[in-house]
Amino acid sequence: MSMELISMEYWDEFYTDPDDLKKAKIEELEGT
């Protein structure tokens, strides 16, 4: 679970659109 969260800082590899990245991060944090 820690790997999920600390890797999140590099998810721009999956989401090149800044808005998509924001959405993915919010979803991850809300999901926790």
All heavy atoms as atom14 arrays in JSON, in Angstrom:
{
  "sequence": "MSMELISMEYWDEFYTDPDDLKKAKIEELEGT",
  "atom14_mask": [
    [1, 1, 1, 1, 1, 1, 1, 1, 0, 0, 0, 0, 0, 0],
    [1, 1, 1, 1, 1, 1, 0, 0, 0, 0, 0, 0, 0, 0],
    [1, 1, 1, 1, 1, 1, 1, 1, 0, 0, 0, 0, 0, 0],
    [1, 1, 1, 1, 1, 1, 1, 1, 1, 0, 0, 0, 0, 0],
    [1, 1, 1, 1, 1, 1, 1, 1, 0, 0, 0, 0, 0, 0],
    [1, 1, 1, 1, 1, 1, 1, 1, 0, 0, 0, 0, 0, 0],
    [1, 1, 1, 1, 1, 1, 0, 0, 0, 0, 0, 0, 0, 0],
    [1, 1, 1, 1, 1, 1, 1, 1, 0, 0, 0, 0, 0, 0],
    [1, 1, 1, 1, 1, 1, 1, 1, 1, 0, 0, 0, 0, 0],
    [1, 1, 1, 1, 1, 1, 1, 1, 1, 1, 1, 1, 0, 0],
    [1, 1, 1, 1, 1, 1, 1, 1, 1, 1, 1, 1, 1, 1],
    [1, 1, 1, 1, 1, 1, 1, 1, 0, 0, 0, 0, 0, 0],
    [1, 1, 1, 1, 1, 1, 1, 1, 1, 0, 0, 0, 0, 0],
    [1, 1, 1, 1, 1, 1, 1, 1, 1, 1, 1, 0, 0, 0],
    [1, 1, 1, 1, 1, 1, 1, 1, 1, 1, 1, 1, 0, 0],
    [1, 1, 1, 1, 1, 1, 1, 0, 0, 0, 0, 0, 0, 0],
    [1, 1, 1, 1, 1, 1, 1, 1, 0, 0, 0, 0, 0, 0],
    [1, 1, 1, 1, 1, 1, 1, 0, 0, 0, 0, 0, 0, 0],
    [1, 1, 1, 1, 1, 1, 1, 1, 0, 0, 0, 0, 0, 0],
    [1, 1, 1, 1, 1, 1, 1, 1, 0, 0, 0, 0, 0, 0],
    [1, 1, 1, 1, 1, 1, 1, 1, 0, 0, 0, 0, 0, 0],
    [1, 1, 1, 1, 1, 1, 1, 1, 1, 0, 0, 0, 0, 0],
    [1, 1, 1, 1, 1, 1, 1, 1, 1, 0, 0, 0, 0, 0],
    [1, 1, 1, 1, 1, 0, 0, 0, 0, 0, 0, 0, 0, 0],
    [1, 1, 1, 1, 1, 1, 1, 1, 1, 0, 0, 0, 0, 0],
    [1, 1, 1, 1, 1, 1, 1, 1, 0, 0, 0, 0, 0, 0],
    [1, 1, 1, 1, 1, 1, 1, 1, 1, 0, 0, 0, 0, 0],
    [1, 1, 1, 1, 1, 1, 1, 1, 1, 0, 0, 0, 0, 0],
    [1, 1, 1, 1, 1, 1, 1, 1, 0, 0, 0, 0, 0, 0],
    [1, 1, 1, 1, 1, 1, 1, 1, 1, 0, 0, 0, 0, 0],
    [1, 1, 1, 1, 0, 0, 0, 0, 0, 0, 0, 0, 0, 0],
    [1, 1, 1, 1, 1, 1, 1, 0, 0, 0, 0, 0, 0, 0]
  ],
  "atom14_positions": [
    [[0.82, -1.21, 0.0], [0.0, 0.0, 0.0], [0.85, 1.27, 0.0], [0.47, 2.29, -0.58], [-0.96, -0.02, 1.19], [-2.05, -1.06, 1.04], [-3.16, -1.1, 2.45], [-4.65, -1.71, 1.66], [0.0, 0.0, 0.0], [0.0, 0.0, 0.0], [0.0, 0.0, 0.0], [0.0, 0.0, 0.0], [0.0, 0.0, 0.0], [0.0, 0.0, 0.0]],
    [[2.01, 1.19, 0.63], [2.92, 2.34, 0.6], [3.45, 2.56, -0.82], [3.59, 3.7, -1.27], [4.09, 2.13, 1.56], [3.63, 2.02, 2.89], [0.0, 0.0, 0.0], [0.0, 0.0, 0.0], [0.0, 0.0, 0.0], [0.0, 0.0, 0.0], [0.0, 0.0, 0.0], [0.0, 0.0, 0.0], [0.0, 0.0, 0.0], [0.0, 0.0, 0.0]],
    [[3.74, 1.46, -1.52], [4.22, 1.58, -2.9], [3.17, 2.25, -3.79], [3.5, 3.05, -4.67], [4.59, 0.21, -3.45], [5.1, 0.23, -4.88], [6.73, 1.0, -5.05], [7.78, -0.44, -4.77], [0.0, 0.0, 0.0], [0.0, 0.0, 0.0], [0.0, 0.0, 0.0], [0.0, 0.0, 0.0], [0.0, 0.0, 0.0], [0.0, 0.0, 0.0]],
    [[1.9, 1.92, -3.58], [0.83, 2.59, -4.32], [0.95, 4.11, -4.19], [0.89, 4.84, -5.17], [-0.54, 2.19, -3.77], [-1.04, 0.82, -4.14], [-2.43, 0.6, -3.57], [-3.28, 1.51, -3.66], [-2.68, -0.49, -3.0], [0.0, 0.0, 0.0], [0.0, 0.0, 0.0], [0.0, 0.0, 0.0], [0.0, 0.0, 0.0], [0.0, 0.0, 0.0]],
    [[1.1, 4.56, -2.96], [1.05, 6.0, -2.68], [2.32, 6.73, -3.1], [2.24, 7.81, -3.71], [0.75, 6.23, -1.19], [-0.67, 5.84, -0.76], [-0.78, 5.77, 0.74], [-1.68, 6.84, -1.31], [0.0, 0.0, 0.0], [0.0, 0.0, 0.0], [0.0, 0.0, 0.0], [0.0, 0.0, 0.0], [0.0, 0.0, 0.0], [0.0, 0.0, 0.0]],
    [[3.48, 6.18, -2.79], [4.7, 6.92, -3.14], [4.95, 6.89, -4.65], [5.55, 7.82, -5.21], [5.94, 6.42, -2.36], [6.24, 4.94, -2.64], [5.76, 6.66, -0.86], [7.5, 4.43, -1.93], [0.0, 0.0, 0.0], [0.0, 0.0, 0.0], [0.0, 0.0, 0.0], [0.0, 0.0, 0.0], [0.0, 0.0, 0.0], [0.0, 0.0, 0.0]],
    [[4.47, 5.85, -5.34], [4.61, 5.81, -6.8], [3.71, 6.85, -7.46], [3.96, 7.26, -8.61], [4.24, 4.42, -7.33], [2.85, 4.18, -7.21], [0.0, 0.0, 0.0], [0.0, 0.0, 0.0], [0.0, 0.0, 0.0], [0.0, 0.0, 0.0], [0.0, 0.0, 0.0], [0.0, 0.0, 0.0], [0.0, 0.0, 0.0], [0.0, 0.0, 0.0]],
    [[2.68, 7.29, -6.76], [1.72, 8.25, -7.3], [2.39, 9.53, -7.78], [1.9, 10.19, -8.69], [0.68, 8.55, -6.22], [-0.51, 9.34, -6.69], [-1.84, 9.33, -5.47], [-1.05, 10.11, -4.07], [0.0, 0.0, 0.0], [0.0, 0.0, 0.0], [0.0, 0.0, 0.0], [0.0, 0.0, 0.0], [0.0, 0.0, 0.0], [0.0, 0.0, 0.0]],
    [[3.53, 9.87, -7.19], [4.24, 11.08, -7.58], [4.82, 10.96, -9.0], [5.3, 11.96, -9.56], [5.37, 11.37, -6.58], [4.88, 11.65, -5.16], [3.8, 12.74, -5.13], [4.13, 13.89, -5.49], [2.65, 12.44, -4.75], [0.0, 0.0, 0.0], [0.0, 0.0, 0.0], [0.0, 0.0, 0.0], [0.0, 0.0, 0.0], [0.0, 0.0, 0.0]],
    [[4.76, 9.74, -9.59], [5.31, 9.52, -10.93], [4.27, 8.97, -11.89], [4.6, 8.44, -12.95], [6.52, 8.57, -10.83], [7.49, 9.05, -9.77], [7.5, 8.46, -8.5], [8.35, 10.13, -10.01], [8.35, 8.94, -7.51], [9.19, 10.6, -9.02], [9.18, 10.0, -7.77], [10.01, 10.49, -6.78], [0.0, 0.0, 0.0], [0.0, 0.0, 0.0]],
    [[3.02, 9.16, -11.55], [1.94, 8.68, -12.4], [1.73, 9.52, -13.65], [0.86, 9.21, -14.47], [0.64, 8.57, -11.6], [0.61, 7.37, -10.69], [1.62, 6.5, -10.42], [-0.51, 6.93, -9.92], [1.22, 5.54, -9.53], [-0.09, 5.78, -9.2], [-1.81, 7.38, -9.75], [-0.95, 5.08, -8.34], [-2.66, 6.71, -8.9], [-2.22, 5.55, -8.2]],
    [[2.51, 10.58, -13.8], [2.41, 11.34, -15.04], [2.88, 10.49, -16.23], [2.64, 10.86, -17.39], [3.21, 12.65, -14.97], [4.65, 12.45, -14.54], [5.0, 11.36, -14.04], [5.46, 13.39, -14.69], [0.0, 0.0, 0.0], [0.0, 0.0, 0.0], [0.0, 0.0, 0.0], [0.0, 0.0, 0.0], [0.0, 0.0, 0.0], [0.0, 0.0, 0.0]],
    [[3.54, 9.37, -15.95], [3.88, 8.42, -17.01], [2.61, 7.82, -17.62], [2.57, 7.48, -18.8], [4.77, 7.29, -16.49], [6.14, 7.72, -15.98], [7.05, 8.2, -17.1], [6.72, 7.96, -18.29], [8.09, 8.82, -16.8], [0.0, 0.0, 0.0], [0.0, 0.0, 0.0], [0.0, 0.0, 0.0], [0.0, 0.0, 0.0], [0.0, 0.0, 0.0]],
    [[1.56, 7.69, -16.82], [0.29, 7.13, -17.28], [-0.69, 8.22, -17.7], [-1.55, 7.99, -18.55], [-0.36, 6.29, -16.17], [0.47, 5.13, -15.72], [1.38, 5.25, -14.67], [0.36, 3.9, -16.36], [2.15, 4.17, -14.26], [1.13, 2.81, -15.95], [2.02, 2.94, -14.91], [0.0, 0.0, 0.0], [0.0, 0.0, 0.0], [0.0, 0.0, 0.0]],
    [[-0.56, 9.39, -17.07], [-1.5, 10.49, -17.32], [-0.71, 11.74, -17.71], [-0.25, 12.49, -16.84], [-2.34, 10.76, -16.07], [-3.02, 9.52, -15.5], [-2.5, 8.88, -14.37], [-4.16, 9.0, -16.11], [-3.11, 7.75, -13.86], [-4.77, 7.85, -15.59], [-4.24, 7.24, -14.47], [-4.84, 6.12, -13.95], [0.0, 0.0, 0.0], [0.0, 0.0, 0.0]],
    [[-0.55, 11.94, -19.01], [0.26, 13.08, -19.48], [-0.51, 14.39, -19.38], [0.08, 15.45, -19.26], [0.7, 12.86, -20.94], [-0.45, 12.56, -21.74], [1.68, 11.69, -21.03], [0.0, 0.0, 0.0], [0.0, 0.0, 0.0], [0.0, 0.0, 0.0], [0.0, 0.0, 0.0], [0.0, 0.0, 0.0], [0.0, 0.0, 0.0], [0.0, 0.0, 0.0]],
    [[-1.83, 14.32, -19.4], [-2.67, 15.5, -19.22], [-2.69, 15.85, -17.72], [-3.08, 15.01, -16.9], [-4.09, 15.21, -19.7], [-5.01, 16.41, -19.62], [-4.9, 17.19, -18.63], [-5.86, 16.58, -20.51], [0.0, 0.0, 0.0], [0.0, 0.0, 0.0], [0.0, 0.0, 0.0], [0.0, 0.0, 0.0], [0.0, 0.0, 0.0], [0.0, 0.0, 0.0]],
    [[-2.27, 17.07, -17.34], [-2.24, 17.45, -15.91], [-3.58, 17.27, -15.21], [-3.62, 16.9, -14.03], [-1.83, 18.92, -15.94], [-1.08, 19.08, -17.23], [-1.76, 18.16, -18.2], [0.0, 0.0, 0.0], [0.0, 0.0, 0.0], [0.0, 0.0, 0.0], [0.0, 0.0, 0.0], [0.0, 0.0, 0.0], [0.0, 0.0, 0.0], [0.0, 0.0, 0.0]],
    [[-4.68, 17.54, -15.92], [-6.0, 17.38, -15.3], [-6.3, 15.9, -15.03], [-6.89, 15.56, -14.0], [-7.09, 17.97, -16.2], [-7.05, 19.49, -16.22], [-6.53, 20.08, -15.24], [-7.53, 20.08, -17.2], [0.0, 0.0, 0.0], [0.0, 0.0, 0.0], [0.0, 0.0, 0.0], [0.0, 0.0, 0.0], [0.0, 0.0, 0.0], [0.0, 0.0, 0.0]],
    [[-5.88, 15.03, -15.96], [-6.06, 13.59, -15.75], [-5.25, 13.12, -14.54], [-5.71, 12.3, -13.74], [-5.63, 12.81, -16.99], [-6.61, 12.94, -18.13], [-7.66, 13.59, -17.94], [-6.33, 12.4, -19.22], [0.0, 0.0, 0.0], [0.0, 0.0, 0.0], [0.0, 0.0, 0.0], [0.0, 0.0, 0.0], [0.0, 0.0, 0.0], [0.0, 0.0, 0.0]],
    [[-4.04, 13.65, -14.43], [-3.18, 13.28, -13.31], [-3.8, 13.7, -11.98], [-3.8, 12.94, -11.01], [-1.79, 13.91, -13.47], [-0.77, 13.61, -12.36], [-0.52, 12.11, -12.26], [0.54, 14.37, -12.62], [0.0, 0.0, 0.0], [0.0, 0.0, 0.0], [0.0, 0.0, 0.0], [0.0, 0.0, 0.0], [0.0, 0.0, 0.0], [0.0, 0.0, 0.0]],
    [[-4.35, 14.91, -11.96], [-5.02, 15.39, -10.75], [-6.18, 14.46, -10.38], [-6.35, 14.1, -9.21], [-5.56, 16.81, -10.97], [-4.51, 17.9, -10.89], [-5.16, 19.27, -11.03], [-4.13, 20.38, -10.87], [-4.77, 21.72, -10.96], [0.0, 0.0, 0.0], [0.0, 0.0, 0.0], [0.0, 0.0, 0.0], [0.0, 0.0, 0.0], [0.0, 0.0, 0.0]],
    [[-6.95, 14.09, -11.39], [-8.09, 13.2, -11.14], [-7.63, 11.86, -10.57], [-8.21, 11.34, -9.62], [-8.86, 12.96, -12.44], [-9.7, 14.13, -12.91], [-10.42, 13.8, -14.2], [-11.2, 14.99, -14.71], [-12.24, 15.41, -13.75], [0.0, 0.0, 0.0], [0.0, 0.0, 0.0], [0.0, 0.0, 0.0], [0.0, 0.0, 0.0], [0.0, 0.0, 0.0]],
    [[-6.56, 11.32, -11.16], [-6.05, 10.03, -10.7], [-5.55, 10.11, -9.27], [-5.78, 9.19, -8.46], [-4.93, 9.55, -11.63], [0.0, 0.0, 0.0], [0.0, 0.0, 0.0], [0.0, 0.0, 0.0], [0.0, 0.0, 0.0], [0.0, 0.0, 0.0], [0.0, 0.0, 0.0], [0.0, 0.0, 0.0], [0.0, 0.0, 0.0], [0.0, 0.0, 0.0]],
    [[-4.88, 11.19, -8.93], [-4.36, 11.35, -7.57], [-5.49, 11.52, -6.56], [-5.46, 10.92, -5.47], [-3.43, 12.57, -7.5], [-2.05, 12.33, -8.09], [-1.15, 13.53, -7.82], [0.3, 13.23, -8.17], [1.19, 14.35, -7.81], [0.0, 0.0, 0.0], [0.0, 0.0, 0.0], [0.0, 0.0, 0.0], [0.0, 0.0, 0.0], [0.0, 0.0, 0.0]],
    [[-6.48, 12.32, -6.92], [-7.62, 12.51, -6.01], [-8.35, 11.19, -5.8], [-8.72, 10.83, -4.68], [-8.58, 13.59, -6.55], [-7.93, 14.98, -6.44], [-9.9, 13.57, -5.79], [-8.69, 16.07, -7.16], [0.0, 0.0, 0.0], [0.0, 0.0, 0.0], [0.0, 0.0, 0.0], [0.0, 0.0, 0.0], [0.0, 0.0, 0.0], [0.0, 0.0, 0.0]],
    [[-8.52, 10.45, -6.9], [-9.19, 9.15, -6.8], [-8.42, 8.2, -5.89], [-9.0, 7.48, -5.08], [-9.33, 8.54, -8.19], [-10.07, 7.22, -8.19], [-10.25, 6.66, -9.59], [-10.85, 7.35, -10.42], [-9.76, 5.54, -9.84], [0.0, 0.0, 0.0], [0.0, 0.0, 0.0], [0.0, 0.0, 0.0], [0.0, 0.0, 0.0], [0.0, 0.0, 0.0]],
    [[-7.09, 8.2, -6.02], [-6.26, 7.33, -5.18], [-6.37, 7.73, -3.71], [-6.57, 6.89, -2.84], [-4.8, 7.41, -5.64], [-3.81, 6.69, -4.74], [-3.9, 5.18, -4.78], [-4.57, 4.63, -5.67], [-3.31, 4.52, -3.89], [0.0, 0.0, 0.0], [0.0, 0.0, 0.0], [0.0, 0.0, 0.0], [0.0, 0.0, 0.0], [0.0, 0.0, 0.0]],
    [[-6.25, 9.03, -3.43], [-6.3, 9.49, -2.04], [-7.68, 9.29, -1.44], [-7.81, 8.83, -0.3], [-5.89, 10.97, -1.97], [-4.4, 11.24, -2.2], [-4.14, 12.72, -2.41], [-3.57, 10.71, -1.03], [0.0, 0.0, 0.0], [0.0, 0.0, 0.0], [0.0, 0.0, 0.0], [0.0, 0.0, 0.0], [0.0, 0.0, 0.0], [0.0, 0.0, 0.0]],
    [[-8.72, 9.63, -2.2], [-10.07, 9.36, -1.71], [-10.26, 7.86, -1.48], [-10.87, 7.45, -0.5], [-11.11, 9.86, -2.72], [-11.42, 11.33, -2.62], [-12.64, 11.71, -3.46], [-12.98, 10.97, -4.39], [-13.24, 12.75, -3.17], [0.0, 0.0, 0.0], [0.0, 0.0, 0.0], [0.0, 0.0, 0.0], [0.0, 0.0, 0.0], [0.0, 0.0, 0.0]],
    [[-9.72, 7.08, -2.41], [-9.88, 5.64, -2.32], [-9.28, 5.05, -1.07], [-9.81, 4.09, -0.5], [0.0, 0.0, 0.0], [0.0, 0.0, 0.0], [0.0, 0.0, 0.0], [0.0, 0.0, 0.0], [0.0, 0.0, 0.0], [0.0, 0.0, 0.0], [0.0, 0.0, 0.0], [0.0, 0.0, 0.0], [0.0, 0.0, 0.0], [0.0, 0.0, 0.0]],
    [[-8.17, 5.62, -0.6], [-7.55, 5.09, 0.63], [-8.5, 5.22, 1.81], [-8.53, 4.36, 2.69], [-6.24, 5.84, 0.97], [-6.52, 7.22, 1.21], [-5.22, 5.71, -0.14], [0.0, 0.0, 0.0], [0.0, 0.0, 0.0], [0.0, 0.0, 0.0], [0.0, 0.0, 0.0], [0.0, 0.0, 0.0], [0.0, 0.0, 0.0], [0.0, 0.0, 0.0]]
  ]
}
